[in-house]
PDB file of all heavy atoms in Angstrom:
ATOM      1  N   LYS A   1       0.812  -1.220   0.000  1.00  0.00           N
ATOM      2  CA  LYS A   1       0.000   0.000   0.000  1.00  0.00           C
ATOM      3  C   LYS A   1       0.842   1.266   0.000  1.00  0.00           C
ATOM      4  O   LYS A   1       0.377   2.332  -0.422  1.00  0.00           O
ATOM      5  CB  LYS A   1      -0.950  -0.007   1.198  1.00  0.00           C
ATOM      6  CG  LYS A   1      -2.022  -1.098   1.120  1.00  0.00           C
ATOM      7  CD  LYS A   1      -2.986  -0.997   2.293  1.00  0.00           C
ATOM      8  CE  LYS A   1      -4.122  -2.001   2.163  1.00  0.00           C
ATOM      9  NZ  LYS A   1      -5.098  -1.891   3.282  1.00  0.00           N
ATOM     10  N   ILE A   2       2.067   1.180   0.506  1.00  0.00           N
ATOM     11  CA  ILE A   2       3.009   2.298   0.439  1.00  0.00           C
ATOM     12  C   ILE A   2       4.377   1.743   0.085  1.00  0.00           C
ATOM     13  O   ILE A   2       4.636   0.542   0.235  1.00  0.00           O
ATOM     14  CB  ILE A   2       3.092   3.100   1.767  1.00  0.00           C
ATOM     15  CG1 ILE A   2       3.596   2.225   2.911  1.00  0.00           C
ATOM     16  CG2 ILE A   2       1.763   3.735   2.110  1.00  0.00           C
ATOM     17  CD1 ILE A   2       3.878   3.010   4.191  1.00  0.00           C
ATOM     18  N   ALA A   3       5.255   2.622  -0.372  1.00  0.00           N
ATOM     19  CA  ALA A   3       6.601   2.205  -0.742  1.00  0.00           C
ATOM     20  C   ALA A   3       7.377   1.770   0.498  1.00  0.00           C
ATOM     21  O   ALA A   3       7.097   2.218   1.621  1.00  0.00           O
ATOM     22  CB  ALA A   3       7.327   3.356  -1.437  1.00  0.00           C
ATOM     23  N   ASN A   4       8.338   0.899   0.304  1.00  0.00           N
ATOM     24  CA  ASN A   4       9.169   0.436   1.409  1.00  0.00           C
ATOM     25  C   ASN A   4      10.035   1.574   1.951  1.00  0.00           C
ATOM     26  O   ASN A   4      10.596   2.363   1.185  1.00  0.00           O
ATOM     27  CB  ASN A   4      10.069  -0.716   0.957  1.00  0.00           C
ATOM     28  CG  ASN A   4       9.298  -1.999   0.743  1.00  0.00           C
ATOM     29  OD1 ASN A   4       8.276  -2.244   1.393  1.00  0.00           O
ATOM     30  ND2 ASN A   4       9.756  -2.829  -0.177  1.00  0.00           N
ATOM     31  N   CYS A   5      10.100   1.647   3.255  1.00  0.00           N
ATOM     32  CA  CYS A   5      10.938   2.646   3.915  1.00  0.00           C
ATOM     33  C   CYS A   5      11.159   2.192   5.350  1.00  0.00           C
ATOM     34  O   CYS A   5      10.577   1.202   5.800  1.00  0.00           O
ATOM     35  CB  CYS A   5      10.278   4.026   3.891  1.00  0.00           C
ATOM     36  SG  CYS A   5       8.756   4.137   4.876  1.00  0.00           S
ATOM     37  N   ASP A   6      12.016   2.903   6.063  1.00  0.00           N
ATOM     38  CA  ASP A   6      12.214   2.638   7.483  1.00  0.00           C
ATOM     39  C   ASP A   6      11.133   3.401   8.252  1.00  0.00           C
ATOM     40  O   ASP A   6      11.130   4.640   8.243  1.00  0.00           O
ATOM     41  CB  ASP A   6      13.607   3.101   7.923  1.00  0.00           C
ATOM     42  CG  ASP A   6      13.925   2.741   9.365  1.00  0.00           C
ATOM     43  OD1 ASP A   6      13.057   2.967  10.235  1.00  0.00           O
ATOM     44  OD2 ASP A   6      15.031   2.244   9.621  1.00  0.00           O
ATOM     45  N   PRO A   7      10.201   2.710   8.893  1.00  0.00           N
ATOM     46  CA  PRO A   7       9.081   3.420   9.524  1.00  0.00           C
ATOM     47  C   PRO A   7       9.509   4.365  10.640  1.00  0.00           C
ATOM     48  O   PRO A   7       8.866   5.407  10.848  1.00  0.00           O
ATOM     49  CB  PRO A   7       8.200   2.287  10.062  1.00  0.00           C
ATOM     50  CG  PRO A   7       9.100   1.118  10.192  1.00  0.00           C
ATOM     51  CD  PRO A   7      10.096   1.248   9.083  1.00  0.00           C
ATOM     52  N   TYR A   8      10.555   4.017  11.358  1.00  0.00           N
ATOM     53  CA  TYR A   8      11.017   4.890  12.442  1.00  0.00           C
ATOM     54  C   TYR A   8      11.557   6.206  11.881  1.00  0.00           C
ATOM     55  O   TYR A   8      11.227   7.296  12.381  1.00  0.00           O
ATOM     56  CB  TYR A   8      12.081   4.187  13.285  1.00  0.00           C
ATOM     57  CG  TYR A   8      11.524   3.046  14.096  1.00  0.00           C
ATOM     58  CD1 TYR A   8      11.544   1.746  13.605  1.00  0.00           C
ATOM     59  CD2 TYR A   8      10.952   3.273  15.348  1.00  0.00           C
ATOM     60  CE1 TYR A   8      11.018   0.692  14.340  1.00  0.00           C
ATOM     61  CE2 TYR A   8      10.423   2.226  16.094  1.00  0.00           C
ATOM     62  CZ  TYR A   8      10.454   0.939  15.590  1.00  0.00           C
ATOM     63  OH  TYR A   8       9.923  -0.099  16.320  1.00  0.00           O
ATOM     64  N   HIS A   9      12.375   6.109  10.842  1.00  0.00           N
ATOM     65  CA  HIS A   9      12.929   7.331  10.264  1.00  0.00           C
ATOM     66  C   HIS A   9      11.873   8.124   9.513  1.00  0.00           C
ATOM     67  O   HIS A   9      11.985   9.358   9.390  1.00  0.00           O
ATOM     68  CB  HIS A   9      14.128   6.997   9.382  1.00  0.00           C
ATOM     69  CG  HIS A   9      15.315   6.546  10.181  1.00  0.00           C
ATOM     70  ND1 HIS A   9      16.073   7.430  10.918  1.00  0.00           N
ATOM     71  CD2 HIS A   9      15.837   5.315  10.389  1.00  0.00           C
ATOM     72  CE1 HIS A   9      17.041   6.764  11.533  1.00  0.00           C
ATOM     73  NE2 HIS A   9      16.911   5.475  11.236  1.00  0.00           N
ATOM     74  N   LEU A  10      10.845   7.469   9.043  1.00  0.00           N
ATOM     75  CA  LEU A  10       9.705   8.194   8.471  1.00  0.00           C
ATOM     76  C   LEU A  10       9.054   9.056   9.543  1.00  0.00           C
ATOM     77  O   LEU A  10       8.796  10.251   9.334  1.00  0.00           O
ATOM     78  CB  LEU A  10       8.687   7.215   7.889  1.00  0.00           C
ATOM     79  CG  LEU A  10       7.347   7.827   7.438  1.00  0.00           C
ATOM     80  CD1 LEU A  10       7.557   8.855   6.342  1.00  0.00           C
ATOM     81  CD2 LEU A  10       6.382   6.725   6.997  1.00  0.00           C
ATOM     82  N   ILE A  11       8.802   8.477  10.698  1.00  0.00           N
ATOM     83  CA  ILE A  11       8.193   9.229  11.807  1.00  0.00           C
ATOM     84  C   ILE A  11       9.115  10.349  12.258  1.00  0.00           C
ATOM     85  O   ILE A  11       8.682  11.492  12.472  1.00  0.00           O
ATOM     86  CB  ILE A  11       7.845   8.282  12.973  1.00  0.00           C
ATOM     87  CG1 ILE A  11       6.718   7.327  12.554  1.00  0.00           C
ATOM     88  CG2 ILE A  11       7.429   9.077  14.208  1.00  0.00           C
ATOM     89  CD1 ILE A  11       6.441   6.214  13.552  1.00  0.00           C
ATOM     90  N   PHE A  12      10.416  10.044  12.411  1.00  0.00           N
ATOM     91  CA  PHE A  12      11.370  11.081  12.814  1.00  0.00           C
ATOM     92  C   PHE A  12      11.371  12.241  11.825  1.00  0.00           C
ATOM     93  O   PHE A  12      11.423  13.408  12.222  1.00  0.00           O
ATOM     94  CB  PHE A  12      12.793  10.508  12.891  1.00  0.00           C
ATOM     95  CG  PHE A  12      13.008   9.471  13.962  1.00  0.00           C
ATOM     96  CD1 PHE A  12      14.060   8.573  13.858  1.00  0.00           C
ATOM     97  CD2 PHE A  12      12.175   9.382  15.061  1.00  0.00           C
ATOM     98  CE1 PHE A  12      14.272   7.605  14.834  1.00  0.00           C
ATOM     99  CE2 PHE A  12      12.366   8.415  16.043  1.00  0.00           C
ATOM    100  CZ  PHE A  12      13.424   7.520  15.926  1.00  0.00           C
ATOM    101  N   SER A  13      11.338  11.928  10.536  1.00  0.00           N
ATOM    102  CA  SER A  13      11.401  12.983   9.520  1.00  0.00           C
ATOM    103  C   SER A  13      10.149  13.851   9.550  1.00  0.00           C
ATOM    104  O   SER A  13      10.227  15.071   9.326  1.00  0.00           O
ATOM    105  CB  SER A  13      11.611  12.383   8.127  1.00  0.00           C
ATOM    106  OG  SER A  13      10.455  11.697   7.678  1.00  0.00           O
ATOM    107  N   ILE A  14       8.991  13.248   9.849  1.00  0.00           N
ATOM    108  CA  ILE A  14       7.762  14.034   9.975  1.00  0.00           C
ATOM    109  C   ILE A  14       7.859  14.964  11.171  1.00  0.00           C
ATOM    110  O   ILE A  14       7.475  16.138  11.106  1.00  0.00           O
ATOM    111  CB  ILE A  14       6.528  13.119  10.066  1.00  0.00           C
ATOM    112  CG1 ILE A  14       6.310  12.398   8.719  1.00  0.00           C
ATOM    113  CG2 ILE A  14       5.279  13.921  10.450  1.00  0.00           C
ATOM    114  CD1 ILE A  14       5.225  11.341   8.757  1.00  0.00           C
ATOM    115  N   TRP A  15       8.379  14.449  12.278  1.00  0.00           N
ATOM    116  CA  TRP A  15       8.603  15.315  13.440  1.00  0.00           C
ATOM    117  C   TRP A  15       9.492  16.492  13.070  1.00  0.00           C
ATOM    118  O   TRP A  15       9.201  17.641  13.395  1.00  0.00           O
ATOM    119  CB  TRP A  15       9.249  14.541  14.580  1.00  0.00           C
ATOM    120  CG  TRP A  15       8.383  13.501  15.207  1.00  0.00           C
ATOM    121  CD1 TRP A  15       7.042  13.306  15.020  1.00  0.00           C
ATOM    122  CD2 TRP A  15       8.802  12.497  16.136  1.00  0.00           C
ATOM    123  NE1 TRP A  15       6.614  12.238  15.766  1.00  0.00           N
ATOM    124  CE2 TRP A  15       7.658  11.723  16.468  1.00  0.00           C
ATOM    125  CE3 TRP A  15      10.010  12.162  16.713  1.00  0.00           C
ATOM    126  CZ2 TRP A  15       7.711  10.644  17.354  1.00  0.00           C
ATOM    127  CZ3 TRP A  15      10.074  11.090  17.602  1.00  0.00           C
ATOM    128  CH2 TRP A  15       8.930  10.347  17.914  1.00  0.00           C
ATOM    129  N   ALA A  16      10.599  16.203  12.388  1.00  0.00           N
ATOM    130  CA  ALA A  16      11.578  17.248  12.069  1.00  0.00           C
ATOM    131  C   ALA A  16      11.002  18.297  11.132  1.00  0.00           C
ATOM    132  O   ALA A  16      11.170  19.510  11.357  1.00  0.00           O
ATOM    133  CB  ALA A  16      12.823  16.620  11.454  1.00  0.00           C
ATOM    134  N   THR A  17      10.314  17.853  10.079  1.00  0.00           N
ATOM    135  CA  THR A  17       9.832  18.799   9.075  1.00  0.00           C
ATOM    136  C   THR A  17       8.639  19.615   9.542  1.00  0.00           C
ATOM    137  O   THR A  17       8.429  20.740   9.080  1.00  0.00           O
ATOM    138  CB  THR A  17       9.464  18.081   7.758  1.00  0.00           C
ATOM    139  OG1 THR A  17       8.560  17.004   8.034  1.00  0.00           O
ATOM    140  CG2 THR A  17      10.701  17.538   7.072  1.00  0.00           C
ATOM    141  N   THR A  18       7.850  19.090  10.457  1.00  0.00           N
ATOM    142  CA  THR A  18       6.684  19.846  10.934  1.00  0.00           C
ATOM    143  C   THR A  18       7.034  20.738  12.125  1.00  0.00           C
ATOM    144  O   THR A  18       6.643  21.910  12.161  1.00  0.00           O
ATOM    145  CB  THR A  18       5.535  18.899  11.318  1.00  0.00           C
ATOM    146  OG1 THR A  18       5.998  17.937  12.284  1.00  0.00           O
ATOM    147  CG2 THR A  18       5.004  18.170  10.096  1.00  0.00           C
ATOM    148  N   GLN A  19       7.777  20.220  13.082  1.00  0.00           N
ATOM    149  CA  GLN A  19       8.114  21.005  14.275  1.00  0.00           C
ATOM    150  C   GLN A  19       9.107  22.121  13.969  1.00  0.00           C
ATOM    151  O   GLN A  19       9.226  23.077  14.738  1.00  0.00           O
ATOM    152  CB  GLN A  19       8.631  20.086  15.379  1.00  0.00           C
ATOM    153  CG  GLN A  19       7.524  19.213  15.956  1.00  0.00           C
ATOM    154  CD  GLN A  19       8.015  18.134  16.903  1.00  0.00           C
ATOM    155  OE1 GLN A  19       7.448  17.052  16.953  1.00  0.00           O
ATOM    156  NE2 GLN A  19       9.063  18.404  17.655  1.00  0.00           N
ATOM    157  N   HIS A  20       9.786  22.024  12.846  1.00  0.00           N
ATOM    158  CA  HIS A  20      10.689  23.097  12.412  1.00  0.00           C
ATOM    159  C   HIS A  20       9.967  24.429  12.357  1.00  0.00           C
ATOM    160  O   HIS A  20      10.548  25.479  12.695  1.00  0.00           O
ATOM    161  CB  HIS A  20      11.256  22.752  11.029  1.00  0.00           C
ATOM    162  CG  HIS A  20      12.117  23.823  10.434  1.00  0.00           C
ATOM    163  ND1 HIS A  20      13.473  23.900  10.665  1.00  0.00           N
ATOM    164  CD2 HIS A  20      11.816  24.880   9.626  1.00  0.00           C
ATOM    165  CE1 HIS A  20      13.979  24.945  10.028  1.00  0.00           C
ATOM    166  NE2 HIS A  20      12.991  25.554   9.383  1.00  0.00           N
ATOM    167  N   TYR A  21       8.703  24.418  11.957  1.00  0.00           N
ATOM    168  CA  TYR A  21       7.955  25.660  11.774  1.00  0.00           C
ATOM    169  C   TYR A  21       7.584  26.324  13.094  1.00  0.00           C
ATOM    170  O   TYR A  21       7.193  27.491  13.103  1.00  0.00           O
ATOM    171  CB  TYR A  21       6.714  25.396  10.916  1.00  0.00           C
ATOM    172  CG  TYR A  21       7.092  25.067   9.495  1.00  0.00           C
ATOM    173  CD1 TYR A  21       7.288  23.746   9.097  1.00  0.00           C
ATOM    174  CD2 TYR A  21       7.305  26.077   8.568  1.00  0.00           C
ATOM    175  CE1 TYR A  21       7.669  23.438   7.797  1.00  0.00           C
ATOM    176  CE2 TYR A  21       7.684  25.782   7.265  1.00  0.00           C
ATOM    177  CZ  TYR A  21       7.873  24.460   6.894  1.00  0.00           C
ATOM    178  OH  TYR A  21       8.270  24.157   5.609  1.00  0.00           O
ATOM    179  N   ALA A  22       7.728  25.607  14.195  1.00  0.00           N
ATOM    180  CA  ALA A  22       7.559  26.213  15.518  1.00  0.00           C
ATOM    181  C   ALA A  22       8.913  26.542  16.126  1.00  0.00           C
ATOM    182  O   ALA A  22       9.151  27.661  16.585  1.00  0.00           O
ATOM    183  CB  ALA A  22       6.784  25.274  16.441  1.00  0.00           C
ATOM    184  N   ASP A  23       9.828  25.572  16.110  1.00  0.00           N
ATOM    185  CA  ASP A  23      11.102  25.736  16.798  1.00  0.00           C
ATOM    186  C   ASP A  23      12.000  26.779  16.130  1.00  0.00           C
ATOM    187  O   ASP A  23      12.804  27.430  16.793  1.00  0.00           O
ATOM    188  CB  ASP A  23      11.845  24.398  16.857  1.00  0.00           C
ATOM    189  CG  ASP A  23      11.037  23.333  17.585  1.00  0.00           C
ATOM    190  OD1 ASP A  23      10.100  23.703  18.329  1.00  0.00           O
ATOM    191  OD2 ASP A  23      11.324  22.138  17.407  1.00  0.00           O
ATOM    192  N   PHE A  24      11.876  26.933  14.797  1.00  0.00           N
ATOM    193  CA  PHE A  24      12.685  27.895  14.059  1.00  0.00           C
ATOM    194  C   PHE A  24      11.797  28.932  13.368  1.00  0.00           C
ATOM    195  O   PHE A  24      12.094  29.377  12.254  1.00  0.00           O
ATOM    196  CB  PHE A  24      13.561  27.159  13.041  1.00  0.00           C
ATOM    197  CG  PHE A  24      14.621  26.303  13.673  1.00  0.00           C
ATOM    198  CD1 PHE A  24      14.346  24.992  14.017  1.00  0.00           C
ATOM    199  CD2 PHE A  24      15.878  26.808  13.949  1.00  0.00           C
ATOM    200  CE1 PHE A  24      15.310  24.195  14.618  1.00  0.00           C
ATOM    201  CE2 PHE A  24      16.856  26.023  14.540  1.00  0.00           C
ATOM    202  CZ  PHE A  24      16.572  24.710  14.877  1.00  0.00           C
ATOM    203  N   ASP A  25      10.748  29.319  14.058  1.00  0.00           N
ATOM    204  CA  ASP A  25       9.759  30.224  13.476  1.00  0.00           C
ATOM    205  C   ASP A  25      10.373  31.549  13.037  1.00  0.00           C
ATOM    206  O   ASP A  25      10.059  32.062  11.954  1.00  0.00           O
ATOM    207  CB  ASP A  25       8.635  30.485  14.487  1.00  0.00           C
ATOM    208  CG  ASP A  25       7.596  31.452  13.956  1.00  0.00           C
ATOM    209  OD1 ASP A  25       6.989  31.144  12.919  1.00  0.00           O
ATOM    210  OD2 ASP A  25       7.388  32.516  14.574  1.00  0.00           O
ATOM    211  N   ILE A  26      11.256  32.096  13.846  1.00  0.00           N
ATOM    212  CA  ILE A  26      11.889  33.378  13.503  1.00  0.00           C
ATOM    213  C   ILE A  26      12.680  33.249  12.209  1.00  0.00           C
ATOM    214  O   ILE A  26      12.625  34.112  11.323  1.00  0.00           O
ATOM    215  CB  ILE A  26      12.790  33.862  14.655  1.00  0.00           C
ATOM    216  CG1 ILE A  26      11.944  34.220  15.882  1.00  0.00           C
ATOM    217  CG2 ILE A  26      13.616  35.063  14.215  1.00  0.00           C
ATOM    218  CD1 ILE A  26      12.752  34.610  17.096  1.00  0.00           C
ATOM    219  N   GLN A  27      13.414  32.151  12.076  1.00  0.00           N
ATOM    220  CA  GLN A  27      14.196  31.920  10.867  1.00  0.00           C
ATOM    221  C   GLN A  27      13.286  31.745   9.652  1.00  0.00           C
ATOM    222  O   GLN A  27      13.545  32.305   8.579  1.00  0.00           O
ATOM    223  CB  GLN A  27      15.056  30.669  11.044  1.00  0.00           C
ATOM    224  CG  GLN A  27      15.825  30.248   9.809  1.00  0.00           C
ATOM    225  CD  GLN A  27      16.679  29.027  10.069  1.00  0.00           C
ATOM    226  OE1 GLN A  27      17.820  29.132  10.473  1.00  0.00           O
ATOM    227  NE2 GLN A  27      16.105  27.841   9.845  1.00  0.00           N
ATOM    228  N   VAL A  28      12.215  30.962   9.812  1.00  0.00           N
ATOM    229  CA  VAL A  28      11.290  30.724   8.711  1.00  0.00           C
ATOM    230  C   VAL A  28      10.699  32.031   8.212  1.00  0.00           C
ATOM    231  O   VAL A  28      10.677  32.309   6.998  1.00  0.00           O
ATOM    232  CB  VAL A  28      10.171  29.748   9.143  1.00  0.00           C
ATOM    233  CG1 VAL A  28       9.057  29.711   8.102  1.00  0.00           C
ATOM    234  CG2 VAL A  28      10.735  28.357   9.372  1.00  0.00           C
ATOM    235  N   ARG A  29      10.213  32.865   9.145  1.00  0.00           N
ATOM    236  CA  ARG A  29       9.573  34.116   8.741  1.00  0.00           C
ATOM    237  C   ARG A  29      10.580  35.096   8.137  1.00  0.00           C
ATOM    238  O   ARG A  29      10.259  35.846   7.212  1.00  0.00           O
ATOM    239  CB  ARG A  29       8.853  34.740   9.928  1.00  0.00           C
ATOM    240  CG  ARG A  29       7.576  34.002  10.300  1.00  0.00           C
ATOM    241  CD  ARG A  29       6.755  34.708  11.347  1.00  0.00           C
ATOM    242  NE  ARG A  29       7.336  34.581  12.683  1.00  0.00           N
ATOM    243  CZ  ARG A  29       7.817  35.590  13.383  1.00  0.00           C
ATOM    244  NH1 ARG A  29       7.798  36.817  12.881  1.00  0.00           N
ATOM    245  NH2 ARG A  29       8.314  35.395  14.591  1.00  0.00           N
ATOM    246  N   ALA A  30      11.809  35.085   8.649  1.00  0.00           N
ATOM    247  CA  ALA A  30      12.841  35.967   8.100  1.00  0.00           C
ATOM    248  C   ALA A  30      13.172  35.595   6.659  1.00  0.00           C
ATOM    249  O   ALA A  30      13.301  36.469   5.787  1.00  0.00           O
ATOM    250  CB  ALA A  30      14.101  35.902   8.963  1.00  0.00           C
ATOM    251  N   VAL A  31      13.299  34.303   6.389  1.00  0.00           N
ATOM    252  CA  VAL A  31      13.659  33.847   5.045  1.00  0.00           C
ATOM    253  C   VAL A  31      12.498  34.049   4.072  1.00  0.00           C
ATOM    254  O   VAL A  31      12.693  34.473   2.919  1.00  0.00           O
ATOM    255  CB  VAL A  31      14.097  32.370   5.076  1.00  0.00           C
ATOM    256  CG1 VAL A  31      14.269  31.833   3.665  1.00  0.00           C
ATOM    257  CG2 VAL A  31      15.399  32.211   5.868  1.00  0.00           C
ATOM    258  N   LEU A  32      11.277  33.775   4.511  1.00  0.00           N
ATOM    259  CA  LEU A  32      10.125  33.915   3.622  1.00  0.00           C
ATOM    260  C   LEU A  32       9.771  35.375   3.356  1.00  0.00           C
ATOM    261  O   LEU A  32       9.194  35.701   2.313  1.00  0.00           O
ATOM    262  CB  LEU A  32       8.916  33.186   4.214  1.00  0.00           C
ATOM    263  CG  LEU A  32       8.987  31.663   4.230  1.00  0.00           C
ATOM    264  CD1 LEU A  32       7.754  31.086   4.924  1.00  0.00           C
ATOM    265  CD2 LEU A  32       9.119  31.090   2.828  1.00  0.00           C
ATOM    266  N   GLY A  33      10.103  36.245   4.290  1.00  0.00           N
ATOM    267  CA  GLY A  33       9.799  37.656   4.118  1.00  0.00           C
ATOM    268  C   GLY A  33       8.350  37.981   4.436  1.00  0.00           C
ATOM    269  O   GLY A  33       7.542  37.105   4.760  1.00  0.00           O
ATOM    270  N   LYS A  34       8.002  39.258   4.336  1.00  0.00           N
ATOM    271  CA  LYS A  34       6.669  39.716   4.735  1.00  0.00           C
ATOM    272  C   LYS A  34       5.564  39.104   3.890  1.00  0.00           C
ATOM    273  O   LYS A  34       4.485  38.783   4.386  1.00  0.00           O
ATOM    274  CB  LYS A  34       6.602  41.235   4.663  1.00  0.00           C
ATOM    275  CG  LYS A  34       7.438  41.948   5.731  1.00  0.00           C
ATOM    276  CD  LYS A  34       7.256  43.461   5.640  1.00  0.00           C
ATOM    277  CE  LYS A  34       8.068  44.170   6.730  1.00  0.00           C
ATOM    278  NZ  LYS A  34       7.904  45.640   6.650  1.00  0.00           N
TER     279      LYS A  34
END
């Protein structure tokens, strides 16, 4: 039903890519601009 992958690292990567927008919010907004 889905491609083969390491399920643990899939979960870790989702944590990293989503929580980045809170933990590095200042950086995100600075780079994206007004």
